[in-house]
Structure formats: C-alpha cells, structure tokens
Amino acid sequence: MSERATMVSPHRPAGRVERSHVRSARKRLAGRIRKTPVFHTSVASPSGPVPVTMKLEHLQHGGTFKVRGSLNALLESGEGVDEVVIASGGNAGIAAALAAARLDKSCTVVVPETAPHTKVAAMWSHGAEVLWHGTTYAEALAHATDLATERGALLLHGYDLPAVVAGIGVVGLELEEQVRGRPPVLAAVGGGGLVAGIAAAIGRRQQVIGIEPEGAAVLRAALAEDRPVDIVGSGITVDTLGPTRIGDIALDLARRHDVRSLLVSDDAITAAREYLWREFRILVEVAGAAALAAVHSGAYVPAPDERPVIVLCGANTDVAVF
C-alpha cells in the first residue's frame, strides 16, 4: 500500500472500541477540551416533576461534543498529517475545523448544497475551506473520500472511526466522576457516535439509552435487522446533511452493551427545546433537546428514586430562533 493510500484514513481498520481506548483518549485530550459541568434539577413531565441531571455538553468548544472525537483522531494521527478532509453540513464539520485549527492543520469540509448557513459560517470562522457538493450527506461523503485520496489527506468521519468514538466517550468518564451511583444516561442518536462513546466508557456499569426522533430511527432499524440499514428519514431533526444509517461501531457497541432505542416525536422535541429556554435560559439546537424530550414528554419514566442523566449535546443554532 502506498504512503498516500495509508494517509487517507489510518483509523478505518475494523476493531472494537473499549473502555481502555476511551481512557487513553482522556489522557490525550487533557487540557484541550472542557470538562463540561452537570446541573442537578427537576423537569416537568406528564406525571409531575422528575429529578434529572443534565450534562451540559452544549458548552463544549465549538458547541458540540464532536470536538472531542475530532481532536482525539488528529492527535492520534501524529505529526505526519497536515491536511484533514471531512464530509458534513453540521457539527462534525465545525468540530473538525476547530480541531484542525488548534493543531495548526488545514481542514476542508465538503457540505451538501443545502447545509445551514449558521453551521457553514462556524466552519469558516475556524479557518476551514468549505466546498459544496451534491444534495445529500452521502454525495458529500463520496466526494470527500475522493478528495482525501487525491490530496493525500486524512479523511475524518463524523461518527464511525474508532478514534472519534473513543474521544467522544470521555463524556462518559466525566459522568462517572460527576454523578453518584450508576443512573441511566439518555443521549441523542444521530449517526451514533455519542451513544457509542458513552457506552464504550460506562456501558458495562450503567444503562445507556439512545433517544431517536420517530422519523429518523437509525439505531432501532439496525437493531431490528441486526445490521446497519438505510432509512428514509423525515421530520424536524432530519435534513439533507443527516446520516441515514447508524455507524458500524455504534451498532457493535449497542449490541455489546444493550443500548436500546427510545423514540420521541417531533412535537416532543420542539416542546423540550422551548422548555429549556423558557425555564433555564438554555439554548440548544433541535437535536440537542432530544434526550430531554424523552423525560419531558413521558416517553421515558424513571424508576422510583432514579435521577437519569440527560446529555444536552449541541448549541449550534440561530440565536434568534425564539
């Protein structure tokens, strides 16, 4: 294999992501990411107030948990990588751009033509080159893959690389230090990187539950078929830049650690997002409110004396949204 071919994606080889990999990522990321705070409170639900702990990951650098994964992947790649390419119209592109800037590397983000201007502007703000290609995430990914090969660059993936998942998993290790006991952890599912990382970190010790919109249940579809399958997504959290299937790594971790999928409606997500702003003046993007929607709507009913952890995972939205 040529040096250029090797450079395209040194993290692609198949392999399990284990707690040991997450622990190594925490050492690698020390001093480079925020240990985001937790907030113990109660939230409204159909059956009355529910005690919860919110993990305020929307306060992470770049407004997204994905920075953890991108930084870990780039740090693990070593000094030989000077250029990064990624396909994304959202937070993965922002995270890659920020991580590359921090490490003095160049970054190119290939985005679908309908990528939100707010997120593209954030990529630009971190110095990324942004190229528009196609109308779907899949089309952007195909072009990014070709571009990385052509340039001899590192091809990052938003959620399906071992180093990315391990970096994201540091969220779980932080929760072990911040929260007493072993309560269930509720986190949104997009491509599966967040739930996969948390499961790799703490899945043997406590329950991890993936919260999915009814119109974009990629984890549920994969668990039903026992393999990643493409879905036709719909709803407010789905657009042309979103994944239409779960990542292979996420499915592997979901199987091994019994991560289950819990569905919530678009209305429930919208209501939870508005509730966060109205009651706590916390502003998150739509997907960032999915985990809270499960409790707020009554889709998830905690056991007596249980205080579930809710991960608020993204803040890249228009500040004029309300």
Protein backbone atom coordinates (compact mmCIF):
# COMPACT_ATOMS: atom_id res chain seq x y z
CA MET A 1 0.00 0.00 0.00
CA SER A 2 1.33 3.44 -0.91
CA GLU A 3 2.06 6.14 1.67
CA ARG A 4 -0.72 8.27 0.18
CA ALA A 5 -3.28 5.45 0.49
CA THR A 6 -2.27 4.91 4.10
CA MET A 7 -2.75 8.59 4.87
CA VAL A 8 -6.35 8.62 3.74
CA SER A 9 -7.77 7.00 6.84
CA PRO A 10 -5.44 5.44 9.44
CA HIS A 11 -8.38 4.90 11.81
CA ARG A 12 -10.60 2.93 9.45
CA PRO A 13 -9.43 -0.63 10.34
CA ALA A 14 -12.22 -2.57 11.98
CA GLY A 15 -11.92 -3.19 15.68
CA ARG A 16 -13.79 -2.82 18.90
CA VAL A 17 -13.73 0.38 20.86
CA GLU A 18 -13.20 -0.47 24.51
CA ARG A 19 -13.09 1.45 27.77
CA SER A 20 -9.28 1.29 27.62
CA HIS A 21 -9.35 3.26 24.36
CA VAL A 22 -11.54 5.91 25.98
CA ARG A 23 -9.18 6.16 28.93
CA SER A 24 -6.26 6.67 26.54
CA ALA A 25 -8.26 9.35 24.75
CA ARG A 26 -8.84 11.18 28.04
CA LYS A 27 -5.09 11.38 28.63
CA ARG A 28 -4.54 12.57 25.07
CA LEU A 29 -7.21 15.25 25.37
CA ALA A 30 -6.20 16.53 28.80
CA GLY A 31 -6.10 20.33 28.78
CA ARG A 32 -7.54 20.54 25.27
CA ILE A 33 -11.28 20.12 25.95
CA ARG A 34 -13.72 21.34 28.55
CA LYS A 35 -14.89 19.04 31.29
CA THR A 36 -18.44 20.23 30.86
CA PRO A 37 -20.49 20.74 34.02
CA VAL A 38 -23.56 18.89 35.23
CA PHE A 39 -26.71 20.53 36.51
CA HIS A 40 -28.92 18.77 39.08
CA THR A 41 -32.52 19.92 38.80
CA SER A 42 -36.09 18.77 38.18
CA VAL A 43 -38.03 18.99 34.94
CA ALA A 44 -41.73 18.82 34.20
CA SER A 45 -43.30 15.63 32.88
CA PRO A 46 -46.89 14.39 32.42
CA SER A 47 -46.68 12.67 35.82
CA GLY A 48 -45.13 15.61 37.66
CA PRO A 49 -41.61 16.90 38.37
CA VAL A 50 -38.79 14.47 37.60
CA PRO A 51 -35.34 14.83 39.20
CA VAL A 52 -32.65 14.77 36.50
CA THR A 53 -29.00 15.56 35.98
CA MET A 54 -28.21 17.48 32.80
CA LYS A 55 -24.75 17.08 31.29
CA LEU A 56 -24.18 20.49 29.70
CA GLU A 57 -22.14 19.28 26.76
CA HIS A 58 -23.52 22.05 24.59
CA LEU A 59 -20.95 24.22 26.40
CA GLN A 60 -18.09 22.26 24.81
CA HIS A 61 -15.70 24.08 22.48
CA GLY A 62 -17.48 24.68 19.19
CA GLY A 63 -20.84 24.00 20.80
CA THR A 64 -20.64 20.26 20.16
CA PHE A 65 -19.41 17.02 21.74
CA LYS A 66 -17.88 16.10 18.37
CA VAL A 67 -14.82 18.25 19.08
CA ARG A 68 -13.67 15.54 21.49
CA GLY A 69 -13.64 12.95 18.73
CA SER A 70 -12.00 15.09 16.07
CA LEU A 71 -9.24 16.24 18.40
CA ASN A 72 -8.53 12.69 19.54
CA ALA A 73 -8.36 11.41 15.97
CA LEU A 74 -5.96 14.16 14.90
CA LEU A 75 -3.76 13.78 17.97
CA GLU A 76 -3.61 10.02 17.44
CA SER A 77 -2.66 10.55 13.79
CA GLY A 78 0.61 12.15 14.77
CA GLU A 79 2.77 14.81 13.16
CA GLY A 80 2.60 13.33 9.66
CA VAL A 81 -0.91 14.63 8.97
CA ASP A 82 -1.07 18.19 7.69
CA GLU A 83 -4.48 18.23 6.00
CA VAL A 84 -7.90 16.96 7.01
CA VAL A 85 -10.98 16.35 4.86
CA ILE A 86 -14.46 15.57 6.19
CA ALA A 87 -17.99 15.44 4.81
CA SER A 88 -20.53 17.26 6.95
CA GLY A 89 -23.08 20.00 6.83
CA GLY A 90 -23.22 20.30 10.58
CA ASN A 91 -21.40 19.83 13.85
CA ALA A 92 -18.85 17.28 12.60
CA GLY A 93 -17.55 19.86 10.15
CA ILE A 94 -17.39 22.53 12.84
CA ALA A 95 -15.56 20.12 15.15
CA ALA A 96 -13.04 19.07 12.51
CA ALA A 97 -12.37 22.70 11.57
CA LEU A 98 -11.82 23.71 15.18
CA ALA A 99 -9.62 20.69 15.94
CA ALA A 100 -7.50 21.25 12.85
CA ALA A 101 -7.06 24.94 13.69
CA ARG A 102 -5.98 24.10 17.23
CA LEU A 103 -3.31 21.74 15.87
CA ASP A 104 -2.20 24.01 13.02
CA LYS A 105 -3.53 21.75 10.26
CA SER A 106 -5.62 22.68 7.24
CA CYS A 107 -9.20 21.46 7.00
CA THR A 108 -11.61 21.07 4.10
CA VAL A 109 -15.28 20.38 4.77
CA VAL A 110 -17.43 19.07 1.93
CA VAL A 111 -21.04 20.06 2.58
CA PRO A 112 -24.31 19.36 0.78
CA GLU A 113 -25.74 22.32 -1.11
CA THR A 114 -28.45 22.82 1.50
CA ALA A 115 -26.16 22.95 4.54
CA PRO A 116 -27.38 25.56 7.07
CA HIS A 117 -25.61 28.90 6.74
CA THR A 118 -25.20 29.15 10.53
CA LYS A 119 -23.09 26.00 10.61
CA VAL A 120 -21.14 26.78 7.45
CA ALA A 121 -20.31 30.19 8.94
CA ALA A 122 -18.97 28.45 12.05
CA MET A 123 -16.71 26.26 9.86
CA TRP A 124 -15.38 29.38 8.13
CA SER A 125 -14.78 31.05 11.49
CA HIS A 126 -12.30 28.28 12.35
CA GLY A 127 -10.47 28.67 9.05
CA ALA A 128 -11.89 25.72 7.12
CA GLU A 129 -12.20 25.58 3.35
CA VAL A 130 -15.83 24.75 2.57
CA LEU A 131 -16.77 23.02 -0.68
CA TRP A 132 -20.36 22.41 -1.72
CA HIS A 133 -21.10 19.11 -3.44
CA GLY A 134 -24.36 17.24 -4.01
CA THR A 135 -27.65 17.50 -2.19
CA THR A 136 -27.19 14.69 0.35
CA TYR A 137 -24.68 13.70 3.00
CA ALA A 138 -23.90 10.52 1.03
CA GLU A 139 -22.95 12.54 -2.04
CA ALA A 140 -20.80 14.86 0.02
CA LEU A 141 -19.08 11.88 1.66
CA ALA A 142 -18.26 10.26 -1.68
CA HIS A 143 -16.68 13.50 -2.90
CA ALA A 144 -14.77 13.97 0.37
CA THR A 145 -13.36 10.45 0.05
CA ASP A 146 -12.14 11.13 -3.47
CA LEU A 147 -10.71 14.47 -2.43
CA ALA A 148 -8.79 12.98 0.51
CA THR A 149 -7.27 10.36 -1.78
CA GLU A 150 -6.33 12.98 -4.35
CA ARG A 151 -4.68 15.24 -1.77
CA GLY A 152 -3.17 12.54 0.42
CA ALA A 153 -5.12 13.98 3.34
CA LEU A 154 -6.61 12.36 6.42
CA LEU A 155 -10.25 11.50 5.86
CA LEU A 156 -12.16 12.08 9.07
CA HIS A 157 -15.62 10.72 9.72
CA GLY A 158 -18.13 12.36 11.99
CA TYR A 159 -19.03 9.26 13.97
CA ASP A 160 -17.71 5.98 12.53
CA LEU A 161 -13.99 5.99 13.30
CA PRO A 162 -12.59 4.27 16.42
CA ALA A 163 -10.53 7.30 17.46
CA VAL A 164 -13.54 9.59 17.06
CA VAL A 165 -15.79 7.33 19.15
CA ALA A 166 -13.11 6.92 21.83
CA GLY A 167 -12.68 10.68 22.12
CA ILE A 168 -16.41 11.25 22.44
CA GLY A 169 -16.52 8.55 25.10
CA VAL A 170 -14.65 10.80 27.53
CA VAL A 171 -18.11 12.28 28.20
CA GLY A 172 -18.92 9.01 29.96
CA LEU A 173 -15.76 9.01 32.07
CA GLU A 174 -16.55 12.54 33.21
CA LEU A 175 -20.05 11.47 34.23
CA GLU A 176 -18.58 8.73 36.43
CA GLU A 177 -16.73 11.42 38.37
CA GLN A 178 -19.58 13.94 38.44
CA VAL A 179 -22.64 11.81 39.23
CA ARG A 180 -23.15 9.50 42.18
CA GLY A 181 -24.38 5.98 41.63
CA ARG A 182 -24.98 4.49 38.22
CA PRO A 183 -28.09 6.15 36.80
CA PRO A 184 -29.23 5.59 33.20
CA VAL A 185 -27.75 8.00 30.66
CA LEU A 186 -30.03 9.34 27.91
CA ALA A 187 -28.35 10.71 24.79
CA ALA A 188 -29.46 11.63 21.29
CA VAL A 189 -28.69 9.37 18.33
CA GLY A 190 -27.64 10.83 15.00
CA GLY A 191 -25.03 8.60 13.43
CA GLY A 192 -24.49 7.03 16.84
CA GLY A 193 -21.14 8.48 17.89
CA LEU A 194 -22.38 9.93 21.18
CA VAL A 195 -24.21 6.87 22.47
CA ALA A 196 -21.40 4.64 21.19
CA GLY A 197 -18.71 6.59 23.00
CA ILE A 198 -20.64 6.73 26.25
CA ALA A 199 -21.42 3.00 26.01
CA ALA A 200 -17.75 2.19 25.42
CA ALA A 201 -16.85 4.17 28.54
CA ILE A 202 -19.53 3.09 31.00
CA GLY A 203 -21.81 0.60 29.26
CA ARG A 204 -20.74 -2.30 31.49
CA ARG A 205 -21.58 -0.27 34.56
CA GLN A 206 -24.81 1.53 33.74
CA GLN A 207 -27.55 1.70 31.17
CA VAL A 208 -27.18 3.89 28.08
CA ILE A 209 -30.36 4.77 26.17
CA GLY A 210 -30.36 6.24 22.69
CA ILE A 211 -33.10 8.77 22.05
CA GLU A 212 -34.23 9.00 18.43
CA PRO A 213 -36.83 11.02 16.55
CA GLU A 214 -39.64 8.87 15.21
CA GLY A 215 -38.71 9.93 11.68
CA ALA A 216 -35.01 9.09 11.97
CA ALA A 217 -34.73 5.89 14.00
CA VAL A 218 -31.48 4.58 12.53
CA LEU A 219 -30.44 2.68 15.66
CA ARG A 220 -33.81 0.99 16.05
CA ALA A 221 -33.80 -0.04 12.39
CA ALA A 222 -30.30 -1.51 12.72
CA LEU A 223 -31.11 -3.40 15.91
CA ALA A 224 -34.21 -4.88 14.27
CA GLU A 225 -32.27 -6.04 11.20
CA ASP A 226 -29.06 -6.84 13.11
CA ARG A 227 -27.09 -4.71 10.66
CA PRO A 228 -26.87 -1.05 9.63
CA VAL A 229 -29.66 -0.27 7.18
CA ASP A 230 -30.52 2.86 5.24
CA ILE A 231 -33.73 4.60 6.18
CA VAL A 232 -35.74 7.34 4.55
CA GLY A 233 -35.67 9.98 7.26
CA SER A 234 -38.26 12.64 7.90
CA GLY A 235 -39.06 15.26 10.50
CA ILE A 236 -37.57 18.36 12.09
CA THR A 237 -34.24 16.82 13.09
CA VAL A 238 -33.61 15.35 9.64
CA ASP A 239 -32.28 17.24 6.67
CA THR A 240 -30.14 16.51 3.65
CA LEU A 241 -26.95 16.54 5.69
CA GLY A 242 -28.01 13.95 8.26
CA PRO A 243 -26.98 10.28 8.34
CA THR A 244 -29.47 7.76 7.00
CA ARG A 245 -27.90 4.79 8.79
CA ILE A 246 -26.18 4.01 12.06
CA GLY A 247 -22.40 3.64 12.17
CA ASP A 248 -20.89 0.15 12.31
CA ILE A 249 -19.04 0.98 15.52
CA ALA A 250 -22.19 2.31 17.19
CA LEU A 251 -24.15 -0.82 16.30
CA ASP A 252 -21.38 -3.05 17.67
CA LEU A 253 -21.34 -1.16 20.97
CA ALA A 254 -25.15 -1.10 21.15
CA ARG A 255 -25.23 -4.88 20.83
CA ARG A 256 -22.49 -5.48 23.38
CA HIS A 257 -23.85 -3.07 25.99
CA ASP A 258 -27.59 -3.44 25.39
CA VAL A 259 -28.08 0.16 24.30
CA ARG A 260 -31.74 0.49 23.46
CA SER A 261 -33.56 2.92 21.24
CA LEU A 262 -36.37 5.06 22.58
CA LEU A 263 -38.42 7.13 20.15
CA VAL A 264 -39.79 10.63 20.64
CA SER A 265 -42.00 12.73 18.39
CA ASP A 266 -41.04 15.95 16.64
CA ASP A 267 -43.58 17.79 18.79
CA ALA A 268 -41.95 16.42 21.94
CA ILE A 269 -38.51 17.59 20.81
CA THR A 270 -39.79 21.05 19.96
CA ALA A 271 -41.57 21.31 23.31
CA ALA A 272 -38.47 20.19 25.21
CA ARG A 273 -36.30 22.73 23.41
CA GLU A 274 -38.72 25.54 24.18
CA TYR A 275 -38.96 24.35 27.80
CA LEU A 276 -35.17 24.50 28.19
CA TRP A 277 -35.15 28.09 27.04
CA ARG A 278 -38.22 29.18 28.97
CA GLU A 279 -37.30 27.57 32.30
CA PHE A 280 -33.49 27.62 32.31
CA ARG A 281 -32.49 30.03 29.53
CA ILE A 282 -30.54 27.17 27.94
CA LEU A 283 -30.43 27.42 24.15
CA VAL A 284 -29.69 24.24 22.20
CA GLU A 285 -30.19 23.13 18.64
CA VAL A 286 -33.09 20.82 17.83
CA ALA A 287 -31.17 17.55 18.19
CA GLY A 288 -29.68 18.82 21.44
CA ALA A 289 -33.09 18.63 23.12
CA ALA A 290 -33.94 15.07 22.04
CA ALA A 291 -32.76 13.39 25.25
CA LEU A 292 -34.73 15.81 27.43
CA ALA A 293 -37.80 15.23 25.25
CA ALA A 294 -37.92 11.61 26.40
CA VAL A 295 -38.45 12.63 30.03
CA HIS A 296 -40.41 15.83 29.41
CA SER A 297 -42.95 14.02 27.19
CA GLY A 298 -43.27 10.93 29.38
CA ALA A 299 -41.75 8.58 26.79
CA TYR A 300 -39.20 7.68 29.46
CA VAL A 301 -40.49 7.23 33.00
CA PRO A 302 -37.70 6.88 35.57
CA ALA A 303 -37.93 4.25 38.26
CA PRO A 304 -38.64 5.42 41.81
CA ASP A 305 -35.64 7.23 43.32
CA GLU A 306 -33.91 7.31 39.92
CA ARG A 307 -32.31 10.50 38.65
CA PRO A 308 -31.45 9.93 34.96
CA VAL A 309 -28.66 11.78 33.23
CA ILE A 310 -29.70 13.82 30.18
CA VAL A 311 -26.98 14.85 27.75
CA LEU A 312 -27.55 18.23 26.07
CA CYS A 313 -25.26 17.77 23.12
CA GLY A 314 -25.29 20.73 20.71
CA ALA A 315 -25.70 24.50 20.66
CA ASN A 316 -25.13 25.44 17.03
CA THR A 317 -28.36 27.18 16.19
CA ASP A 318 -29.58 30.59 15.19
CA VAL A 319 -29.66 32.75 18.33
CA ALA A 320 -32.86 34.36 17.01
CA VAL A 321 -34.66 31.01 16.96
CA PHE A 322 -37.09 32.11 19.71
